[in-house]
N, C-alpha and C. Protein backbone atom coordinates (compact mmCIF):
# COMPACT_ATOMS: atom_id res chain seq x y z
N MET A 1 26.74 -17.63 -8.34
CA MET A 1 26.28 -16.31 -8.11
C MET A 1 24.63 -16.58 -8.02
N THR A 2 24.16 -15.88 -6.47
CA THR A 2 22.68 -15.89 -6.17
C THR A 2 22.22 -14.79 -6.59
N ARG A 3 20.99 -15.97 -7.18
CA ARG A 3 19.38 -15.29 -8.40
C ARG A 3 19.10 -14.31 -7.10
N VAL A 4 18.98 -12.94 -7.06
CA VAL A 4 18.17 -11.94 -6.62
C VAL A 4 16.98 -12.06 -7.11
N THR A 5 16.57 -12.06 -6.31
CA THR A 5 14.67 -11.57 -6.57
C THR A 5 14.29 -10.18 -5.50
N ARG A 6 12.98 -10.45 -6.00
CA ARG A 6 12.05 -8.70 -5.37
C ARG A 6 12.34 -8.97 -4.70
N GLU A 7 12.86 -10.15 -3.36
CA GLU A 7 12.06 -10.12 -2.45
C GLU A 7 13.44 -8.97 -1.53
N ASP A 8 14.91 -9.54 -2.36
CA ASP A 8 15.67 -9.11 -2.15
C ASP A 8 15.97 -7.88 -2.71
N VAL A 9 15.74 -7.24 -3.43
CA VAL A 9 15.65 -5.36 -3.58
C VAL A 9 14.72 -4.98 -2.79
N VAL A 10 13.21 -5.40 -2.65
CA VAL A 10 12.94 -4.55 -1.78
C VAL A 10 13.23 -4.20 0.17
N GLN A 11 13.65 -5.80 0.42
CA GLN A 11 14.33 -5.53 1.80
C GLN A 11 15.87 -5.33 1.97
N THR A 12 16.48 -5.08 0.19
CA THR A 12 17.40 -4.21 0.43
C THR A 12 17.63 -3.03 0.45
N ALA A 13 16.25 -2.08 0.02
CA ALA A 13 15.27 -0.73 -0.77
C ALA A 13 15.57 -0.34 0.66
N GLY A 14 14.67 -0.96 1.51
CA GLY A 14 14.21 -0.41 3.00
C GLY A 14 15.44 -0.14 3.46
N ARG A 15 16.47 -1.42 4.21
CA ARG A 15 17.36 -0.65 4.58
C ARG A 15 18.04 0.59 4.74
N LEU A 16 18.41 0.43 2.72
CA LEU A 16 19.26 1.56 2.20
C LEU A 16 18.43 3.06 2.53
N PHE A 17 17.02 3.29 2.48
CA PHE A 17 16.08 4.03 2.53
C PHE A 17 15.90 4.63 4.73
N SER A 18 16.03 3.25 5.54
CA SER A 18 16.12 3.97 6.41
C SER A 18 17.39 4.09 7.18
N LEU A 19 18.63 3.97 5.99
CA LEU A 19 19.79 4.37 6.45
C LEU A 19 20.39 5.61 5.96
N TYR A 20 20.36 6.42 4.64
CA TYR A 20 19.97 7.18 3.93
C TYR A 20 18.97 8.12 3.88
N GLY A 21 17.55 7.28 3.80
CA GLY A 21 16.51 8.19 3.62
C GLY A 21 16.19 7.86 2.05
N TYR A 22 14.95 7.69 1.62
CA TYR A 22 14.27 7.81 0.25
C TYR A 22 15.22 8.89 -0.68
N HIS A 23 15.99 10.16 -0.41
CA HIS A 23 16.28 11.34 -1.26
C HIS A 23 17.57 10.46 -1.52
N GLY A 24 18.35 10.28 -0.47
CA GLY A 24 19.34 9.86 -0.59
C GLY A 24 19.82 8.86 -0.69
N THR A 25 18.82 7.85 -1.73
CA THR A 25 19.17 6.14 -2.19
C THR A 25 19.10 6.68 -3.55
N SER A 26 19.91 5.76 -4.03
CA SER A 26 20.00 6.12 -5.66
C SER A 26 19.30 4.54 -6.05
N MET A 27 18.57 4.44 -7.07
CA MET A 27 18.57 3.29 -8.00
C MET A 27 20.93 3.01 -8.03
N ARG A 28 20.84 3.50 -8.44
CA ARG A 28 22.28 2.77 -8.47
C ARG A 28 23.25 2.41 -7.52
N ASP A 29 22.29 3.24 -5.96
CA ASP A 29 23.10 2.75 -4.49
C ASP A 29 22.78 0.97 -4.60
N LEU A 30 21.77 1.44 -4.80
CA LEU A 30 20.83 0.05 -4.85
C LEU A 30 21.27 -1.22 -5.33
N GLY A 31 21.40 -0.81 -7.12
CA GLY A 31 22.41 -1.80 -7.58
C GLY A 31 23.27 -2.04 -7.14
N ARG A 32 24.31 -1.07 -7.14
CA ARG A 32 25.28 -1.80 -6.25
C ARG A 32 25.21 -2.39 -4.59
N GLU A 33 24.64 -2.44 -4.05
CA GLU A 33 24.45 -2.52 -3.11
C GLU A 33 24.11 -4.91 -3.30
N LEU A 34 23.01 -4.52 -4.25
CA LEU A 34 22.65 -6.17 -4.71
C LEU A 34 23.17 -6.75 -6.01
N GLY A 35 25.05 -6.02 -6.18
CA GLY A 35 25.15 -6.38 -7.48
C GLY A 35 24.73 -6.47 -8.03
N LEU A 36 24.41 -5.61 -8.88
CA LEU A 36 23.18 -4.84 -9.64
C LEU A 36 23.90 -4.00 -10.69
N LEU A 37 23.48 -3.69 -12.47
CA LEU A 37 23.88 -2.89 -12.80
C LEU A 37 22.17 -1.82 -12.79
N GLY A 38 22.13 -0.65 -12.61
CA GLY A 38 21.28 0.20 -11.77
C GLY A 38 19.71 -0.51 -13.25
N SER A 39 20.00 -0.70 -14.32
CA SER A 39 19.30 -0.57 -15.31
C SER A 39 18.62 -2.04 -14.53
N SER A 40 19.77 -3.14 -14.43
CA SER A 40 18.65 -4.46 -14.04
C SER A 40 17.62 -4.45 -13.07
N LEU A 41 17.83 -3.16 -11.95
CA LEU A 41 16.64 -3.23 -11.21
C LEU A 41 15.08 -3.30 -11.45
N TYR A 42 15.33 -2.72 -12.70
CA TYR A 42 14.16 -2.43 -13.11
C TYR A 42 13.30 -3.69 -14.26
N ALA A 43 14.19 -4.59 -14.06
CA ALA A 43 13.32 -6.14 -13.94
C ALA A 43 12.61 -6.85 -12.80
N HIS A 44 13.01 -5.84 -11.85
CA HIS A 44 12.32 -6.43 -10.53
C HIS A 44 11.03 -5.44 -10.17
N VAL A 45 11.32 -3.79 -10.37
CA VAL A 45 10.57 -3.05 -9.88
C VAL A 45 10.12 -1.81 -11.31
N ASP A 46 9.60 -0.80 -11.21
CA ASP A 46 9.13 -0.34 -12.12
C ASP A 46 10.22 1.30 -11.56
N GLY A 47 10.45 1.40 -10.38
CA GLY A 47 11.66 2.46 -10.27
C GLY A 47 11.16 2.67 -8.91
N LYS A 48 11.89 3.64 -8.06
CA LYS A 48 12.74 3.95 -6.17
C LYS A 48 11.18 4.15 -6.20
N GLN A 49 10.15 4.78 -5.84
CA GLN A 49 8.17 5.21 -5.29
C GLN A 49 8.53 3.68 -5.53
N GLN A 50 8.10 3.01 -6.32
CA GLN A 50 7.45 2.01 -6.10
C GLN A 50 8.24 0.85 -4.61
N LEU A 51 9.32 0.98 -4.83
CA LEU A 51 9.95 0.23 -3.48
C LEU A 51 9.38 0.68 -2.65
N LEU A 52 9.44 2.56 -2.45
CA LEU A 52 9.33 3.13 -1.30
C LEU A 52 7.73 2.70 -0.88
N VAL A 53 7.27 2.80 -1.53
CA VAL A 53 5.68 2.43 -1.27
C VAL A 53 5.19 0.90 -0.72
N GLU A 54 6.41 -0.22 -1.25
CA GLU A 54 6.24 -1.71 -0.68
C GLU A 54 6.65 -1.44 0.52
N VAL A 55 8.00 -0.89 0.90
CA VAL A 55 8.52 -1.06 2.69
C VAL A 55 7.92 -0.19 3.21
N VAL A 56 7.38 1.61 2.82
CA VAL A 56 6.05 1.53 4.54
C VAL A 56 4.98 0.59 4.10
N GLU A 57 4.00 0.60 3.30
CA GLU A 57 3.06 -0.70 4.03
C GLU A 57 3.84 -1.66 4.47
N ARG A 58 4.35 -2.15 4.18
CA ARG A 58 4.89 -3.20 5.01
C ARG A 58 4.95 -2.88 6.57
N GLY A 59 6.59 -2.02 6.57
CA GLY A 59 6.26 -1.28 8.01
C GLY A 59 4.37 -0.91 8.47
N ALA A 60 3.35 -0.40 7.68
CA ALA A 60 2.32 -0.18 8.14
C ALA A 60 1.20 -1.87 8.56
N ARG A 61 1.45 -2.98 7.39
CA ARG A 61 1.19 -3.63 7.95
C ARG A 61 2.10 -4.37 9.36
N PHE A 62 3.04 -4.44 9.58
CA PHE A 62 3.46 -5.26 11.10
C PHE A 62 3.22 -4.76 12.23
N PHE A 63 2.76 -3.05 12.09
CA PHE A 63 2.26 -2.12 12.77
C PHE A 63 0.23 -2.60 13.12
N GLN A 64 -0.28 -2.89 12.29
CA GLN A 64 -1.44 -3.46 12.11
C GLN A 64 -1.76 -4.72 13.59
N THR A 65 -1.11 -5.16 12.15
CA THR A 65 -0.84 -6.75 13.30
C THR A 65 -1.15 -7.50 14.32
N SER A 66 -0.47 -6.17 14.81
CA SER A 66 0.51 -6.10 16.19
C SER A 66 -1.10 -5.93 16.59
N ALA A 67 -1.94 -4.37 15.96
CA ALA A 67 -2.77 -3.50 16.65
C ALA A 67 -4.09 -4.84 16.81
N ASP A 68 -4.03 -5.82 15.74
CA ASP A 68 -4.90 -6.70 15.78
C ASP A 68 -4.87 -7.15 16.53
N ALA A 69 -4.24 -7.88 17.24
CA ALA A 69 -3.95 -9.46 18.47
C ALA A 69 -4.51 -8.71 19.13
N VAL A 70 -4.75 -7.45 19.89
CA VAL A 70 -4.85 -6.78 21.09
C VAL A 70 -6.51 -7.48 20.94
N GLY A 71 -7.63 -7.79 20.43
CA GLY A 71 -8.84 -8.12 20.26
C GLY A 71 -8.87 -9.22 20.78
N THR A 72 -7.59 -10.44 21.14
CA THR A 72 -8.48 -11.44 21.36
C THR A 72 -7.60 -11.31 23.16
N VAL A 73 -7.39 -9.86 23.88
CA VAL A 73 -6.93 -10.60 24.49
C VAL A 73 -7.91 -9.72 25.76
N GLU A 74 -8.46 -11.27 27.18
CA GLU A 74 -9.16 -10.17 28.19
C GLU A 74 -9.01 -9.16 28.75
N GLY A 75 -9.82 -8.71 29.94
CA GLY A 75 -8.95 -8.54 31.12
C GLY A 75 -9.55 -6.38 30.81
N THR A 76 -9.31 -5.78 32.09
CA THR A 76 -8.82 -4.33 31.55
C THR A 76 -8.13 -3.80 30.76
N ALA A 77 -8.77 -2.80 30.26
CA ALA A 77 -7.95 -1.77 29.16
C ALA A 77 -6.84 -2.50 29.14
N ALA A 78 -6.07 -1.47 30.22
CA ALA A 78 -4.99 -1.27 30.53
C ALA A 78 -4.57 -3.09 30.27
N GLU A 79 -4.56 -3.55 30.42
CA GLU A 79 -4.19 -4.67 30.15
C GLU A 79 -3.79 -4.74 28.67
N ARG A 80 -5.12 -4.31 27.70
CA ARG A 80 -4.40 -4.06 26.35
C ARG A 80 -3.14 -3.74 26.17
N LEU A 81 -3.91 -2.34 27.02
CA LEU A 81 -2.66 -0.81 26.78
C LEU A 81 -0.98 -1.78 27.01
N ARG A 82 -0.96 -2.62 27.94
CA ARG A 82 -0.36 -3.14 27.77
C ARG A 82 0.40 -4.08 26.83
N VAL A 83 0.12 -4.97 25.59
CA VAL A 83 0.05 -5.60 24.66
C VAL A 83 0.15 -4.95 23.59
N LEU A 84 -0.32 -3.79 23.92
CA LEU A 84 0.03 -2.65 22.48
C LEU A 84 1.12 -2.51 22.82
N ILE A 85 1.27 -1.77 23.80
CA ILE A 85 3.38 -1.43 24.16
C ILE A 85 3.59 -2.08 23.61
N GLU A 86 3.49 -3.22 24.28
CA GLU A 86 4.80 -4.86 23.85
C GLU A 86 4.40 -4.57 22.29
N GLY A 87 4.02 -5.66 22.27
CA GLY A 87 2.88 -5.54 19.95
C GLY A 87 4.27 -4.32 19.58
N HIS A 88 4.11 -2.88 19.85
CA HIS A 88 4.74 -2.29 19.12
C HIS A 88 6.21 -1.98 19.60
N VAL A 89 6.60 -2.33 20.76
CA VAL A 89 7.78 -2.50 20.48
C VAL A 89 8.94 -3.77 19.93
N ASP A 90 7.91 -4.60 19.74
CA ASP A 90 8.56 -5.78 19.50
C ASP A 90 8.51 -5.70 17.38
N VAL A 91 8.00 -4.81 16.85
CA VAL A 91 7.48 -4.46 15.83
C VAL A 91 8.31 -3.40 15.12
N VAL A 92 8.74 -2.80 16.32
CA VAL A 92 10.04 -1.51 16.29
C VAL A 92 11.81 -2.05 16.69
N LEU A 93 11.62 -2.71 16.94
CA LEU A 93 12.72 -3.91 16.98
C LEU A 93 13.49 -5.54 16.35
N GLU A 94 12.23 -5.84 15.84
CA GLU A 94 12.14 -7.24 14.35
C GLU A 94 12.34 -6.17 13.58
N HIS A 95 11.63 -5.03 13.27
CA HIS A 95 11.63 -4.70 11.88
C HIS A 95 11.98 -2.78 11.91
N ARG A 96 12.70 -2.94 11.94
CA ARG A 96 14.10 -1.35 12.15
C ARG A 96 14.05 -1.14 11.46
N ASP A 97 14.17 -1.68 9.49
CA ASP A 97 14.10 -0.72 8.32
C ASP A 97 13.19 -0.29 7.73
N GLU A 98 12.40 -0.79 7.92
CA GLU A 98 10.68 -1.10 7.46
C GLU A 98 10.18 0.18 8.41
N VAL A 99 10.42 0.14 9.80
CA VAL A 99 10.08 0.89 10.71
C VAL A 99 10.19 2.52 10.36
N ARG A 100 11.99 2.45 10.39
CA ARG A 100 12.10 3.74 10.56
C ARG A 100 12.53 4.38 9.51
N THR A 101 11.41 4.03 8.58
CA THR A 101 10.96 4.01 6.47
C THR A 101 9.53 4.57 6.60
N TYR A 102 9.50 4.09 8.03
CA TYR A 102 7.67 4.38 7.55
C TYR A 102 7.15 5.13 8.32
N LEU A 103 8.19 5.50 9.91
CA LEU A 103 8.31 7.19 9.83
C LEU A 103 8.17 8.28 9.78
N TYR A 104 9.98 7.77 8.71
CA TYR A 104 10.36 8.82 8.12
C TYR A 104 10.68 9.71 7.27
N GLU A 105 10.36 8.24 6.19
CA GLU A 105 10.60 8.03 4.54
C GLU A 105 9.22 8.83 3.71
N ALA A 106 7.53 8.48 4.92
CA ALA A 106 6.71 8.49 4.10
C ALA A 106 6.29 9.69 3.34
N THR A 107 6.61 11.06 4.26
CA THR A 107 6.95 11.86 3.20
C THR A 107 7.21 12.46 1.58
N ALA A 108 7.72 11.39 0.91
CA ALA A 108 8.54 11.02 0.17
C ALA A 108 7.31 10.40 -0.85
N LEU A 109 6.12 10.31 -0.28
CA LEU A 109 5.51 8.87 -1.34
C LEU A 109 4.73 10.24 -1.67
N ASP A 110 3.81 9.68 -3.25
CA ASP A 110 3.44 10.38 -3.98
C ASP A 110 2.00 10.50 -3.28
N ASP A 111 1.23 11.80 -3.90
CA ASP A 111 -0.14 11.94 -2.92
C ASP A 111 -0.92 11.15 -3.12
N ASP A 112 -1.93 9.73 -3.18
CA ASP A 112 -2.79 8.73 -3.02
C ASP A 112 -1.00 7.80 -2.39
N ALA A 113 -0.40 7.79 -2.29
CA ALA A 113 0.73 6.14 -1.24
C ALA A 113 0.77 6.81 -0.28
N ARG A 114 1.11 8.26 -0.11
CA ARG A 114 0.29 9.34 1.67
C ARG A 114 -0.46 9.07 1.99
N GLN A 115 -1.87 9.11 1.22
CA GLN A 115 -3.23 9.31 1.75
C GLN A 115 -3.23 7.99 2.56
N ASN A 116 -2.92 6.94 2.08
CA ASN A 116 -3.09 5.52 1.95
C ASN A 116 -2.33 5.45 3.28
N VAL A 117 -1.63 5.88 3.12
CA VAL A 117 -0.99 5.79 4.68
C VAL A 117 -0.97 6.33 6.51
N LEU A 118 -1.48 7.46 5.53
CA LEU A 118 -1.75 8.47 6.60
C LEU A 118 -3.23 7.21 7.34
N ASP A 119 -4.17 6.93 6.52
CA ASP A 119 -5.55 6.64 6.74
C ASP A 119 -5.21 4.75 7.53
N ALA A 120 -3.71 4.02 7.63
CA ALA A 120 -3.47 2.94 7.79
C ALA A 120 -2.57 3.66 9.36
N ARG A 121 -2.02 5.14 9.67
CA ARG A 121 -1.34 5.12 11.01
C ARG A 121 -2.68 5.83 11.50
N ASN A 122 -3.91 6.15 11.46
CA ASN A 122 -5.08 6.81 11.27
C ASN A 122 -5.53 5.65 11.82
N ARG A 123 -5.49 4.08 11.06
CA ARG A 123 -6.43 2.83 12.32
C ARG A 123 -5.51 2.56 12.89
N TYR A 124 -4.21 2.84 12.75
CA TYR A 124 -3.87 2.16 14.39
C TYR A 124 -3.64 2.91 15.31
N GLU A 125 -3.27 4.25 14.82
CA GLU A 125 -4.20 5.20 16.34
C GLU A 125 -5.13 4.69 16.94
N ALA A 126 -5.76 4.36 16.01
CA ALA A 126 -7.71 4.37 16.60
C ALA A 126 -7.61 3.09 17.37
N VAL A 127 -7.08 2.40 17.33
CA VAL A 127 -6.90 0.96 18.03
C VAL A 127 -6.55 1.66 19.89
N PHE A 128 -5.51 2.78 19.79
CA PHE A 128 -4.36 2.35 20.49
C PHE A 128 -5.35 3.62 22.01
N THR A 129 -6.15 5.01 21.09
CA THR A 129 -7.18 5.66 21.54
C THR A 129 -8.58 4.94 21.61
N SER A 130 -9.01 3.89 21.16
CA SER A 130 -10.16 2.70 22.13
C SER A 130 -9.38 2.03 22.64
N VAL A 131 -8.80 1.78 23.16
CA VAL A 131 -8.52 1.04 24.60
C VAL A 131 -8.31 2.05 25.45
N MET A 132 -7.89 4.08 25.03
CA MET A 132 -6.79 4.87 26.54
C MET A 132 -8.93 5.14 26.83
N LYS A 133 -10.36 5.23 25.62
CA LYS A 133 -11.57 5.34 25.98
C LYS A 133 -12.57 4.41 26.93
N GLU A 134 -11.79 3.13 26.37
CA GLU A 134 -11.81 1.82 27.40
C GLU A 134 -11.55 1.83 28.51
N GLY A 135 -10.27 2.00 29.22
CA GLY A 135 -9.03 1.90 30.48
C GLY A 135 -10.24 2.94 31.33
N ALA A 136 -10.51 4.73 30.85
CA ALA A 136 -10.91 5.55 31.27
C ALA A 136 -12.54 4.96 32.20
N ALA A 137 -13.15 4.27 30.86
CA ALA A 137 -13.93 4.14 31.02
C ALA A 137 -14.35 3.22 32.17
N ASP A 138 -13.85 2.22 32.50
CA ASP A 138 -13.39 0.33 33.07
C ASP A 138 -12.60 1.04 33.81
N GLY A 139 -11.62 1.73 34.28
CA GLY A 139 -11.32 2.48 35.88
C GLY A 139 -10.35 1.84 35.72
N SER A 140 -10.00 1.20 34.17
CA SER A 140 -8.27 0.76 34.71
C SER A 140 -7.26 2.28 34.72
N LEU A 141 -7.86 3.00 34.07
CA LEU A 141 -6.71 4.57 33.40
C LEU A 141 -7.59 5.60 33.96
N ARG A 142 -6.79 6.43 34.33
CA ARG A 142 -7.30 7.48 34.78
C ARG A 142 -8.85 8.31 33.73
N SER A 143 -10.24 8.51 34.79
CA SER A 143 -11.15 8.88 34.12
C SER A 143 -10.68 10.02 33.21
N ASP A 144 -10.36 10.87 33.55
CA ASP A 144 -9.91 12.50 32.93
C ASP A 144 -8.98 12.42 31.98
N LEU A 145 -8.22 11.32 31.78
CA LEU A 145 -7.07 11.68 31.15
C LEU A 145 -8.14 11.97 29.28
N ASP A 146 -7.34 12.24 28.56
CA ASP A 146 -7.64 12.92 26.54
C ASP A 146 -7.32 11.61 26.09
N PRO A 147 -7.91 11.17 25.69
CA PRO A 147 -7.59 9.21 24.77
C PRO A 147 -7.37 9.96 23.65
N LYS A 148 -6.99 10.51 22.69
CA LYS A 148 -6.28 11.28 21.92
C LYS A 148 -4.53 11.45 22.51
N THR A 149 -4.83 12.63 23.13
CA THR A 149 -3.81 12.93 23.90
C THR A 149 -2.25 11.72 24.17
N ALA A 150 -3.10 11.13 25.23
CA ALA A 150 -2.39 9.41 25.85
C ALA A 150 -2.17 9.25 24.54
N THR A 151 -2.59 8.75 23.39
CA THR A 151 -1.99 8.03 22.34
C THR A 151 -1.06 8.75 22.11
N ILE A 152 -1.07 10.08 21.52
CA ILE A 152 0.18 9.98 21.24
C ILE A 152 1.42 10.38 21.69
N PHE A 153 1.07 10.80 23.11
CA PHE A 153 2.11 10.83 24.05
C PHE A 153 2.92 8.95 23.93
N THR A 154 1.88 8.05 24.20
CA THR A 154 2.30 6.33 24.14
C THR A 154 3.00 6.38 23.25
N LEU A 155 2.50 6.72 21.96
CA LEU A 155 3.27 6.62 20.62
C LEU A 155 4.42 6.98 20.20
N SER A 156 4.41 8.43 20.94
CA SER A 156 5.67 8.94 20.76
C SER A 156 6.94 8.50 21.22
N ILE A 157 6.49 7.98 22.85
CA ILE A 157 8.16 7.08 23.55
C ILE A 157 8.63 6.25 23.30
N LEU A 158 6.93 5.54 22.30
CA LEU A 158 7.99 3.75 21.27
C LEU A 158 8.10 3.85 20.01
N ASN A 159 7.70 4.73 19.86
CA ASN A 159 9.11 5.59 18.03
C ASN A 159 10.41 5.91 18.62
N ALA A 160 10.61 6.39 19.92
CA ALA A 160 11.93 6.49 19.94
C ALA A 160 12.79 6.36 19.84
N ILE A 161 12.03 4.72 20.59
CA ILE A 161 12.94 3.73 20.75
C ILE A 161 14.28 2.70 20.21
N ASP A 162 13.60 3.37 18.73
CA ASP A 162 14.52 2.88 17.41
C ASP A 162 15.95 3.78 17.82
N ARG A 163 15.98 5.22 18.21
CA ARG A 163 16.90 5.80 17.79
C ARG A 163 17.72 5.06 19.14
N TRP A 164 17.43 4.80 20.00
CA TRP A 164 18.69 4.38 21.27
C TRP A 164 18.69 3.38 21.86
N TYR A 165 17.64 2.11 21.42
CA TYR A 165 17.55 0.99 22.51
C TYR A 165 18.53 0.02 21.29
N SER A 166 19.98 -0.47 22.29
CA SER A 166 20.70 -1.88 21.48
C SER A 166 20.42 -2.59 22.12
N GLU A 167 19.60 -4.04 21.79
CA GLU A 167 19.60 -5.17 22.51
C GLU A 167 20.73 -5.79 23.17
N SER A 168 21.78 -4.91 22.80
CA SER A 168 22.87 -5.75 23.07
C SER A 168 23.72 -4.70 24.37
N GLY A 169 22.32 -4.37 24.95
CA GLY A 169 22.66 -3.23 25.52
C GLY A 169 22.71 -3.76 27.48
N ARG A 170 22.41 -2.86 28.75
CA ARG A 170 22.45 -3.27 29.04
C ARG A 170 20.82 -3.56 29.94
N MET A 171 19.34 -3.61 29.10
CA MET A 171 18.41 -3.88 29.63
C MET A 171 17.83 -4.73 27.80
N SER A 172 17.37 -6.09 28.86
CA SER A 172 16.28 -6.52 27.72
C SER A 172 14.92 -6.35 27.34
N ARG A 173 15.15 -6.83 26.05
CA ARG A 173 13.38 -6.34 25.51
C ARG A 173 12.47 -6.35 26.91
N LYS A 174 12.93 -7.28 27.09
CA LYS A 174 11.61 -7.66 28.17
C LYS A 174 11.24 -7.01 29.51
N LYS A 175 12.74 -5.93 29.75
CA LYS A 175 13.25 -5.13 30.86
C LYS A 175 12.51 -3.05 30.11
N LEU A 176 12.96 -3.48 28.93
CA LEU A 176 12.20 -2.62 28.21
C LEU A 176 10.64 -2.13 28.03
N VAL A 177 9.89 -3.46 27.90
CA VAL A 177 8.67 -2.70 27.68
C VAL A 177 8.40 -2.65 28.86
N ASP A 178 8.62 -3.45 30.42
CA ASP A 178 8.61 -3.15 32.19
C ASP A 178 8.28 -1.44 32.40
N GLU A 179 10.07 -0.78 31.53
CA GLU A 179 10.28 -0.28 32.39
C GLU A 179 9.04 1.63 30.88
N ILE A 180 8.73 0.78 29.89
CA ILE A 180 8.42 1.62 29.59
C ILE A 180 6.88 1.91 30.32
N TRP A 181 6.32 0.82 30.48
CA TRP A 181 4.65 0.76 30.89
C TRP A 181 4.66 0.85 32.57
N THR A 182 6.07 1.14 33.73
CA THR A 182 5.45 1.54 34.65
C THR A 182 5.62 3.24 34.36
N PHE A 183 6.63 3.95 33.68
CA PHE A 183 6.83 5.35 33.21
C PHE A 183 5.16 5.45 32.70
N ILE A 184 4.42 4.97 31.40
CA ILE A 184 3.10 5.29 31.37
C ILE A 184 1.97 4.72 31.69
N LEU A 185 2.19 4.21 33.13
CA LEU A 185 0.78 3.59 33.96
C LEU A 185 1.28 4.64 35.03
N LYS A 186 2.20 5.16 35.72
CA LYS A 186 1.96 6.39 36.30
C LYS A 186 1.56 7.57 35.75
N GLY A 187 1.65 7.58 34.88
CA GLY A 187 1.44 9.04 34.51
C GLY A 187 -0.48 8.40 33.63
N LEU A 188 -0.93 7.72 33.59
CA LEU A 188 -2.66 7.09 33.12
C LEU A 188 -3.04 6.28 34.30
N CYS A 189 -2.55 6.13 35.00
CA CYS A 189 -2.69 5.42 36.41
C CYS A 189 -4.28 5.84 37.59
N PRO A 190 -5.49 5.61 37.99
CA PRO A 190 -6.13 6.87 38.58
C PRO A 190 -5.82 6.97 40.13
N THR A 191 -4.46 6.05 40.53
CA THR A 191 -4.30 6.31 41.75
C THR A 191 -2.77 6.41 42.40
N ASN A 192 -2.52 7.42 40.77
CA ASN A 192 -1.33 8.13 41.03
C ASN A 192 -1.91 9.09 42.03
N PRO A 193 0.06 8.93 42.75
CA PRO A 193 0.01 9.74 43.71
C PRO A 193 0.90 11.12 44.10
N PHE A 194 1.13 11.74 42.71
CA PHE A 194 0.74 13.32 42.15
C PHE A 194 0.22 13.66 41.74
N LEU A 195 -1.27 13.20 41.59
CA LEU A 195 -2.23 14.07 41.61
C LEU A 195 -3.07 14.67 42.34
């Protein structure tokens, strides 16, 4: 029998939280999934809330690491926005359990942990908003766009792909990024013929 590690516990918790929600997952469920008695889990963690914190913080780190990479990208703000979009898609599709838990279960965190997650979300969104502002200034995006609203719209589109996209479906990940990019750019581009 393979020894269960703390990492196994955290990953399994993330998967169960993403499938059944934080409140729909018990320590007993987690133990059963790992082949452990519920009480044995406490050798690895203090409790379910600690697991939620770890899974949500991982999701936040994955997104922030992706956003930080845009700082090394040369070119227009629109080109950096494309890198942000591609990075977000990669995080969503490569870390679905952590992302779902981060997006939908953070409200179950205690007050301090919830504030930390809100701060992390704000930092992440600020990268998008900054790029939107730069794009309005450098002419690669519409000069009249509201950067905060454009960020909210863009992230709403990106966060929704987890609900419908399957890499085994008709569209490759690259095609998905291309389609999202085209859709967003047509709304943000200064030469949009519909305006």
